[in-house]
């Protein structure tokens, strides 16, 4: 069941590859239609800049809604990318740069969509943080 839960809990979206599409529809629903006040972050992983799309749209939502943050990590940036942002696999970047210092990562709702290997790594990481399955929603659209 990949639906937005009707709570006030913080939301973390984790995506990669073709998983961008279903996550984008959730985020558009939250911010364009519902004008949510929930704290939401989107962590998207790609190999290089050429794999990224909708970046300008997510940056615009970030500008309009201070409760939204969009984060990108590249696992295999090309020299021409001149990338200075996060590097590595998205689950590790999320853990190292946000969740490990979060006071209650087990209380966050997680929405995941990406390639099977990414999904598996995210599930393992969340399990290690003590996140209960009912706080994890995923779509295997990208798999």
Protein backbone atom coordinates (compact mmCIF):
# COMPACT_ATOMS: atom_id res chain seq x y z
CA UNK A 1 0.00 0.00 0.00
CA UNK A 2 1.78 3.09 -1.24
CA UNK A 3 -0.46 5.85 0.03
CA UNK A 4 0.22 8.96 2.08
CA UNK A 5 -0.73 8.19 5.68
CA UNK A 6 -3.06 10.67 7.34
CA UNK A 7 -0.85 11.59 10.30
CA UNK A 8 1.33 14.51 11.37
CA UNK A 9 4.49 12.40 11.50
CA UNK A 10 7.67 13.48 9.77
CA UNK A 11 8.06 11.93 6.32
CA UNK A 12 11.27 10.80 4.62
CA UNK A 13 11.16 9.86 0.93
CA UNK A 14 13.99 7.73 -0.42
CA UNK A 15 14.29 7.13 -4.15
CA UNK A 16 16.53 6.13 -6.99
CA UNK A 17 16.26 5.54 -10.72
CA UNK A 18 12.71 5.28 -12.08
CA UNK A 19 11.45 5.52 -8.51
CA UNK A 20 11.33 9.28 -9.04
CA UNK A 21 7.86 9.11 -10.65
CA UNK A 22 5.73 7.72 -7.78
CA UNK A 23 7.60 9.77 -5.20
CA UNK A 24 7.11 12.93 -7.25
CA UNK A 25 3.36 12.33 -7.32
CA UNK A 26 3.29 12.00 -3.50
CA UNK A 27 5.31 15.18 -3.01
CA UNK A 28 3.16 17.12 -5.48
CA UNK A 29 0.04 15.93 -3.66
CA UNK A 30 1.49 16.99 -0.30
CA UNK A 31 2.71 20.43 -1.33
CA UNK A 32 0.81 21.54 -4.44
CA UNK A 33 -2.62 20.29 -3.35
CA UNK A 34 -2.64 19.81 0.42
CA UNK A 35 -0.12 22.55 1.28
CA UNK A 36 1.08 20.31 4.11
CA UNK A 37 2.82 21.58 7.21
CA UNK A 38 4.43 18.19 7.84
CA UNK A 39 8.22 18.00 7.86
CA UNK A 40 9.20 16.20 4.64
CA UNK A 41 12.57 15.39 3.13
CA UNK A 42 13.33 13.65 -0.14
CA UNK A 43 16.64 11.81 -0.55
CA UNK A 44 17.29 10.84 -4.17
CA UNK A 45 20.23 8.83 -5.45
CA UNK A 46 21.54 8.70 -8.99
CA UNK A 47 24.77 7.63 -10.62
CA UNK A 48 25.49 10.96 -12.30
CA UNK A 49 23.79 14.27 -13.06
CA UNK A 50 22.48 12.97 -16.36
CA UNK A 51 20.24 10.55 -14.41
CA UNK A 52 18.51 13.34 -12.51
CA UNK A 53 15.29 15.00 -13.54
CA UNK A 54 12.71 17.36 -11.98
CA UNK A 55 15.49 18.91 -9.89
CA UNK A 56 14.31 22.47 -10.64
CA UNK A 57 10.74 21.54 -9.68
CA UNK A 58 11.84 20.11 -6.32
CA UNK A 59 14.06 23.14 -5.66
CA UNK A 60 11.01 25.37 -6.32
CA UNK A 61 8.96 23.41 -3.75
CA UNK A 62 11.89 23.81 -1.34
CA UNK A 63 11.81 27.58 -1.87
CA UNK A 64 8.04 27.76 -1.35
CA UNK A 65 7.82 25.39 1.63
CA UNK A 66 10.40 25.65 4.42
CA UNK A 67 9.20 22.26 5.73
CA UNK A 68 10.52 20.48 2.60
CA UNK A 69 14.13 19.55 1.88
CA UNK A 70 15.42 17.89 -1.31
CA UNK A 71 18.75 16.05 -1.12
CA UNK A 72 20.70 14.41 -3.95
CA UNK A 73 23.58 11.96 -3.78
CA UNK A 74 25.58 10.74 -6.77
CA UNK A 75 27.23 7.34 -6.57
CA UNK A 76 29.32 7.62 -9.74
CA UNK A 77 29.59 11.30 -10.69
CA UNK A 78 31.18 12.04 -14.05
CA UNK A 79 34.10 14.50 -14.28
CA UNK A 80 31.91 16.89 -16.28
CA UNK A 81 29.34 16.89 -13.46
CA UNK A 82 31.70 18.99 -11.30
CA UNK A 83 29.69 17.55 -8.41
CA UNK A 84 30.25 19.01 -4.95
CA UNK A 85 27.18 17.55 -3.23
CA UNK A 86 26.67 14.26 -1.40
CA UNK A 87 28.39 11.19 -2.84
CA UNK A 88 27.73 7.51 -2.27
CA UNK A 89 24.66 5.33 -2.05
CA UNK A 90 21.55 7.17 -0.93
CA UNK A 91 20.76 4.99 2.10
CA UNK A 92 24.23 5.58 3.55
CA UNK A 93 24.14 9.31 2.76
CA UNK A 94 20.76 9.57 4.51
CA UNK A 95 22.02 7.65 7.54
CA UNK A 96 25.30 9.58 7.84
CA UNK A 97 23.88 13.04 7.20
CA UNK A 98 20.50 12.90 8.90
CA UNK A 99 19.20 9.78 10.59
CA UNK A 100 22.18 8.95 12.81
CA UNK A 101 21.71 12.30 14.59
CA UNK A 102 17.90 12.25 14.56
CA UNK A 103 16.38 11.96 18.05
CA UNK A 104 13.73 9.41 16.96
CA UNK A 105 14.26 7.91 13.48
CA UNK A 106 11.84 5.13 14.45
CA UNK A 107 8.96 7.67 14.57
CA UNK A 108 9.43 8.86 10.98
CA UNK A 109 7.25 7.55 8.14
CA UNK A 110 9.42 6.28 5.27
CA UNK A 111 8.29 6.14 1.64
CA UNK A 112 10.64 4.22 -0.64
CA UNK A 113 10.80 3.60 -4.37
CA UNK A 114 13.84 2.56 -6.35
CA UNK A 115 15.79 -0.34 -7.80
CA UNK A 116 15.62 -3.63 -5.86
CA UNK A 117 19.18 -3.35 -4.51
CA UNK A 118 18.53 0.15 -3.21
CA UNK A 119 15.25 -0.89 -1.61
CA UNK A 120 16.92 -3.86 0.11
CA UNK A 121 19.72 -1.65 1.48
CA UNK A 122 17.19 0.89 2.78
CA UNK A 123 15.07 -1.81 4.47
CA UNK A 124 18.17 -3.22 6.18
CA UNK A 125 19.25 0.23 7.36
CA UNK A 126 15.77 1.05 8.71
CA UNK A 127 15.57 -2.30 10.49
CA UNK A 128 18.90 -1.51 12.14
CA UNK A 129 17.41 1.78 13.38
CA UNK A 130 14.45 -0.03 14.93
CA UNK A 131 11.87 1.28 12.46
CA UNK A 132 8.70 -0.83 12.56
CA UNK A 133 7.33 -2.18 9.25
CA UNK A 134 4.12 -0.14 9.64
CA UNK A 135 6.23 3.03 9.31
CA UNK A 136 7.62 1.90 5.95
CA UNK A 137 5.72 2.18 2.68
CA UNK A 138 7.29 1.19 -0.61
CA UNK A 139 6.50 0.85 -4.27
CA UNK A 140 8.56 -1.50 -6.42
CA UNK A 141 7.85 0.67 -9.48
CA UNK A 142 11.59 0.99 -10.04
CA UNK A 143 12.19 -2.74 -9.71
